[in-house]
Amino acid sequence: MALKFIQQDAATLQAAYKERKAEYDALRAADRWPGAILYAGTLLELALKLVMCKHLEVSNLPTIFQVHDLELLLCCSGLYTRLTTDKLVYESFLLIHKRWSMTLRYEGATQTQQDADDFDQALFDPSRGVITFLLQYF
């Protein structure tokens, strides 16, 4: 049985991360809070997959990782213990993990600017942001 891999390689994932980040910033600037929140989780998912590529020393991840499960991706990233022992970063991860899912694609405009600001801080705050923490690993 041959192992199957996700079509997108690490370079494509990196380009997608940069494009989604630009779209995330544009959504926030346009006060499109639900869209920004949806992209916030997508950015974290892409960041974790980029870390996994580096940790596993592969350019393409096996298809088993073609999921949106942030906790599974964190666990397989090689950074689970390091991230969870940083209390502030782990609290930020938990905020995203508990409040984000791909089902947000199907919901109306129920998120507020405060929700979007909470997500933004959880991702990009210099001292507690999850993506700020992960950037050093991809």
Protein backbone atom coordinates (compact mmCIF):
# COMPACT_ATOMS: atom_id res chain seq x y z
CA MET A 1 0.00 0.00 0.00
CA ALA A 2 1.53 3.28 -1.12
CA LEU A 3 1.36 6.31 1.12
CA LYS A 4 -0.66 9.13 -0.45
CA PHE A 5 0.33 12.75 -0.06
CA ILE A 6 -1.50 16.07 -0.10
CA GLN A 7 -1.10 17.69 -3.51
CA GLN A 8 0.12 21.01 -2.11
CA ASP A 9 3.78 21.07 -1.13
CA ALA A 10 5.33 23.26 1.56
CA ALA A 11 6.09 26.07 -0.90
CA THR A 12 2.45 26.10 -2.03
CA LEU A 13 1.27 26.07 1.59
CA GLN A 14 3.60 29.01 2.32
CA ALA A 15 2.20 30.94 -0.65
CA ALA A 16 -1.35 30.11 0.48
CA TYR A 17 -0.51 31.33 4.00
CA LYS A 18 0.73 34.67 2.63
CA GLU A 19 -2.34 35.05 0.39
CA ARG A 20 -4.79 34.13 3.19
CA LYS A 21 -2.98 36.57 5.51
CA ALA A 22 -3.44 39.39 2.98
CA GLU A 23 -7.12 38.46 2.63
CA TYR A 24 -7.47 38.29 6.43
CA ASP A 25 -5.99 41.78 6.75
CA ALA A 26 -8.30 43.09 4.02
CA LEU A 27 -11.37 41.58 5.72
CA ARG A 28 -10.42 43.18 9.04
CA ALA A 29 -9.82 46.54 7.35
CA ALA A 30 -13.27 46.30 5.73
CA ASP A 31 -14.96 45.44 9.06
CA ARG A 32 -15.91 42.00 7.71
CA TRP A 33 -15.62 40.28 11.09
CA PRO A 34 -17.11 36.84 10.29
CA GLY A 35 -14.83 36.44 7.27
CA ALA A 36 -11.81 37.58 9.24
CA ILE A 37 -12.55 35.01 11.94
CA LEU A 38 -12.94 32.23 9.38
CA TYR A 39 -9.58 33.20 7.87
CA ALA A 40 -7.99 33.43 11.33
CA GLY A 41 -8.51 29.72 11.89
CA THR A 42 -7.39 28.94 8.37
CA LEU A 43 -4.15 30.85 9.00
CA LEU A 44 -3.49 28.82 12.13
CA GLU A 45 -4.22 25.60 10.26
CA LEU A 46 -1.77 26.54 7.49
CA ALA A 47 0.88 27.61 10.01
CA LEU A 48 0.61 24.27 11.82
CA LYS A 49 0.86 22.36 8.54
CA LEU A 50 3.97 24.34 7.59
CA VAL A 51 5.54 23.50 10.96
CA MET A 52 4.63 19.85 10.40
CA CYS A 53 6.36 19.80 7.00
CA LYS A 54 9.54 21.07 8.60
CA HIS A 55 9.25 18.79 11.64
CA LEU A 56 8.59 15.69 9.53
CA GLU A 57 11.17 16.77 6.94
CA VAL A 58 8.73 16.34 4.06
CA SER A 59 7.63 18.70 1.33
CA ASN A 60 4.15 17.15 1.08
CA LEU A 61 2.17 15.94 4.07
CA PRO A 62 0.44 12.56 4.00
CA THR A 63 -3.29 12.85 3.21
CA ILE A 64 -4.12 11.82 6.77
CA PHE A 65 -3.29 15.44 7.65
CA GLN A 66 -5.81 16.87 5.18
CA VAL A 67 -7.97 17.89 8.15
CA HIS A 68 -9.09 21.01 9.97
CA ASP A 69 -8.48 19.58 13.46
CA LEU A 70 -6.23 22.19 15.08
CA GLU A 71 -5.49 20.07 18.16
CA LEU A 72 -4.43 17.07 16.06
CA LEU A 73 -2.25 19.30 13.88
CA LEU A 74 -0.63 20.84 16.97
CA CYS A 75 0.00 17.40 18.45
CA CYS A 76 1.68 16.23 15.23
CA SER A 77 3.69 19.44 14.79
CA GLY A 78 6.37 18.43 17.28
CA LEU A 79 5.58 21.56 19.32
CA TYR A 80 2.75 20.32 21.52
CA THR A 81 4.73 20.31 24.77
CA ARG A 82 6.58 23.52 23.98
CA LEU A 83 3.39 25.39 23.13
CA THR A 84 1.25 24.00 25.94
CA THR A 85 3.85 24.86 28.58
CA ASP A 86 3.74 28.52 27.54
CA LYS A 87 0.59 29.47 29.46
CA LEU A 88 -0.23 32.63 27.50
CA VAL A 89 0.31 31.08 24.06
CA TYR A 90 -1.65 27.98 25.05
CA GLU A 91 -4.56 30.13 26.26
CA SER A 92 -4.52 31.82 22.86
CA PHE A 93 -4.50 28.45 21.10
CA LEU A 94 -7.45 27.29 23.21
CA LEU A 95 -9.43 30.43 22.35
CA ILE A 96 -9.06 29.68 18.63
CA HIS A 97 -9.57 25.95 19.10
CA LYS A 98 -12.82 26.40 21.04
CA ARG A 99 -14.34 29.15 18.91
CA TRP A 100 -13.28 28.28 15.34
CA SER A 101 -14.32 25.57 12.93
CA MET A 102 -14.89 25.30 9.22
CA THR A 103 -18.64 25.28 9.93
CA LEU A 104 -18.33 29.05 10.32
CA ARG A 105 -18.51 29.09 6.50
CA TYR A 106 -22.22 28.37 6.80
CA GLU A 107 -23.13 30.80 9.56
CA GLY A 108 -24.44 34.31 9.19
CA ALA A 109 -22.81 37.42 10.53
CA THR A 110 -22.86 36.39 14.19
CA GLN A 111 -19.30 37.43 15.02
CA THR A 112 -18.51 40.93 16.20
CA GLN A 113 -15.51 43.21 16.03
CA GLN A 114 -14.66 42.17 19.60
CA ASP A 115 -14.65 38.52 18.51
CA ALA A 116 -12.36 39.37 15.60
CA ASP A 117 -10.08 41.39 17.87
CA ASP A 118 -9.89 38.45 20.29
CA PHE A 119 -8.85 36.16 17.44
CA ASP A 120 -6.33 38.68 16.13
CA GLN A 121 -4.69 39.01 19.55
CA ALA A 122 -4.71 35.23 20.00
CA LEU A 123 -2.86 34.83 16.70
CA PHE A 124 -0.55 37.82 16.43
CA ASP A 125 0.06 39.38 19.85
CA PRO A 126 3.85 39.67 20.31
CA SER A 127 3.86 37.92 23.69
CA ARG A 128 0.94 35.48 23.43
CA GLY A 129 0.10 35.02 19.75
CA VAL A 130 0.03 31.44 18.50
CA ILE A 131 1.21 32.34 15.00
CA THR A 132 3.80 34.69 16.48
CA PHE A 133 5.07 31.64 18.41
CA LEU A 134 4.89 29.29 15.39
CA LEU A 135 6.64 31.64 12.93
CA GLN A 136 10.02 30.71 14.36
CA TYR A 137 9.40 27.09 13.34
CA PHE A 138 8.45 27.43 9.65
